[in-house]
Amino acid sequence: MDIIYAAERPSIANLIGDHVKQSVTPDEIEVTANPNETGSFYVGWRQERYVLSPSGQIESDRRMAFQQTAISEYLARR
């Protein structure tokens, strides 16, 4: 599976770049399999998290972004 991730990283980076309207290079993203849906991936770029569906659609993963924000706020209060 890691070979597939490596081969697809440029394509996934282009999809993210089109979505955010910025240049995104393959080495800037982290790609992991989405265990909830075959052919879907979680994609991390900077502080944002996205879900790539099997159909090639990119969506923001608000749940993960919310969890990160909540953790950051908690740590800032400590």
Protein backbone atom coordinates (compact mmCIF):
# COMPACT_ATOMS: atom_id res chain seq x y z
CA MET A 1 0.00 0.00 0.00
CA ASP A 2 2.83 2.45 0.69
CA ILE A 3 3.84 2.21 -2.98
CA ILE A 4 0.34 3.25 -4.02
CA TYR A 5 0.47 6.20 -1.61
CA ALA A 6 3.84 7.26 -3.01
CA ALA A 7 2.59 7.04 -6.60
CA GLU A 8 -0.55 8.98 -5.84
CA ARG A 9 0.97 11.73 -3.70
CA PRO A 10 1.53 14.09 -6.68
CA SER A 11 -2.06 13.60 -7.83
CA ILE A 12 -3.42 14.10 -4.32
CA ALA A 13 -1.25 17.21 -3.86
CA ASN A 14 -2.67 18.61 -7.10
CA LEU A 15 -6.24 17.93 -5.92
CA ILE A 16 -5.57 19.67 -2.60
CA GLY A 17 -3.91 22.58 -4.44
CA ASP A 18 -6.94 22.96 -6.71
CA HIS A 19 -9.24 22.83 -3.67
CA VAL A 20 -7.36 25.47 -1.66
CA LYS A 21 -6.25 27.45 -4.73
CA GLN A 22 -2.58 27.31 -3.68
CA SER A 23 0.45 25.40 -4.83
CA VAL A 24 0.85 22.19 -2.81
CA THR A 25 3.81 19.88 -3.29
CA PRO A 26 3.69 16.12 -2.61
CA ASP A 27 6.19 16.36 0.25
CA GLU A 28 3.91 18.83 2.09
CA ILE A 29 1.06 16.36 2.53
CA GLU A 30 0.53 13.29 4.67
CA VAL A 31 -1.71 10.56 3.27
CA THR A 32 -3.24 7.71 5.25
CA ALA A 33 -5.94 5.21 4.42
CA ASN A 34 -9.46 5.93 5.65
CA PRO A 35 -10.47 2.72 7.42
CA ASN A 36 -14.14 3.71 7.18
CA GLU A 37 -14.29 3.67 3.36
CA THR A 38 -12.36 1.59 0.84
CA GLY A 39 -10.48 3.77 -1.63
CA SER A 40 -10.78 6.87 0.57
CA PHE A 41 -7.85 8.68 2.17
CA TYR A 42 -7.22 11.14 4.95
CA VAL A 43 -4.93 13.93 3.77
CA GLY A 44 -3.13 16.33 6.06
CA TRP A 45 -1.75 19.62 4.77
CA ARG A 46 -0.40 22.24 7.14
CA GLN A 47 -2.96 22.49 9.95
CA GLU A 48 -5.85 21.35 7.77
CA ARG A 49 -7.26 17.87 7.35
CA TYR A 50 -9.17 16.61 4.33
CA VAL A 51 -10.93 13.46 3.17
CA LEU A 52 -10.39 12.26 -0.39
CA SER A 53 -13.32 10.12 -1.53
CA PRO A 54 -12.99 7.21 -3.96
CA SER A 55 -14.61 9.45 -6.60
CA GLY A 56 -11.77 12.00 -6.26
CA GLN A 57 -13.72 14.60 -4.29
CA ILE A 58 -11.87 16.55 -1.59
CA GLU A 59 -13.75 17.66 1.51
CA SER A 60 -12.55 19.31 4.68
CA ASP A 61 -12.61 16.95 7.64
CA ARG A 62 -14.19 19.37 10.10
CA ARG A 63 -14.34 16.75 12.84
CA MET A 64 -10.55 16.37 12.86
CA ALA A 65 -10.03 20.13 12.59
CA PHE A 66 -12.39 20.65 15.54
CA GLN A 67 -10.53 18.05 17.62
CA GLN A 68 -7.19 19.71 16.86
CA THR A 69 -8.57 23.13 17.83
CA ALA A 70 -10.04 21.79 21.08
CA ILE A 71 -6.74 20.13 22.01
CA SER A 72 -4.77 23.29 21.18
CA GLU A 73 -7.11 25.42 23.29
CA TYR A 74 -6.88 22.99 26.19
CA LEU A 75 -3.09 23.00 26.09
CA ALA A 76 -2.99 26.80 25.88
CA ARG A 77 -5.03 27.07 29.10
CA ARG A 78 -2.69 24.80 31.06
